[in-house]
Amino acid sequence: MSGKTAAQLQDIDDNFELMARSPEHVRIFNEAMTDLTRLVTHDLRQAYDFGMISHLMDVGGGSGELMGVVALVYSTIRGTVFDLPRCADAANQHFGHLGISDRIDFVAGDFFHEVPAVSDAIIVKSIIHDWNDERSRSILGNCRKVLPQKGRLLLFERAMPELPSTDDAARSCAMSDLNMLRGPGGRERTEREYYRLLTESGFSPIAVLRADRFNLIVSRLC
């Protein structure tokens, strides 16, 4: 056992870079992420008041499903989806279809290198579980650098139970943990472990909002 992911065994940095070599794989992945986001958007809208935000950036927001929902509910909010260039066409088409292109845009880039300084709040949904602690701190640290002093980070992830359990939710999370390990090389984490990552990245968690399928940890800058 090498401990490496399938991509690393082929001398490729990560599974997302490997996937990018096949447009069909990218299409299937983006559609799957859109479908998964649709399962939680209602609960997310109920859990958090986005009306307090002037400009929201979705880091790793893919084709913009989450941003589109927020923009339709909050008619004055401005938004940016930040993700790899391969997501741009789908996101811009989605914004055009919803009639929100005048308020919502797509910016291409790599969150391991830098994040654009455009917003007073950043949401990071189902991204950190893809990566190990070092790479997760890199993403969160880049978000920290560009938020204003009173800015907020919204970290959206499911949480592993602190103690093992055999109920359906715990079993699902354990299976996802194994999937993250064998796929991109990431992991599911407990709420306490997410708090630690946030603190190490320059954030101070101030609230956690829980729903059936996710935890939303709201943080401010330290």
Foldseek 3Di string as FASTA:
>chain_A
DPLDAPCVVVVHDFQVVVQVVDLVSVVVVLVVVLVVVVVCLVVVVVFDDCLVWAEEEEEQCALCNNVLSVCVVRVRHAYEYEEAPSRQVSNCVVCVVSVNPVRYHYDHDDLLVADDQDTLEYEYAPPQQLDALVSSLSNLLRVLVRHPQFGKYKYKFAAADPDQDDDPVNVVQVVVQVVSCRHGNGGHHHPVVVCVSQVVSQWHFDDWTDDDGIIITMIGGD
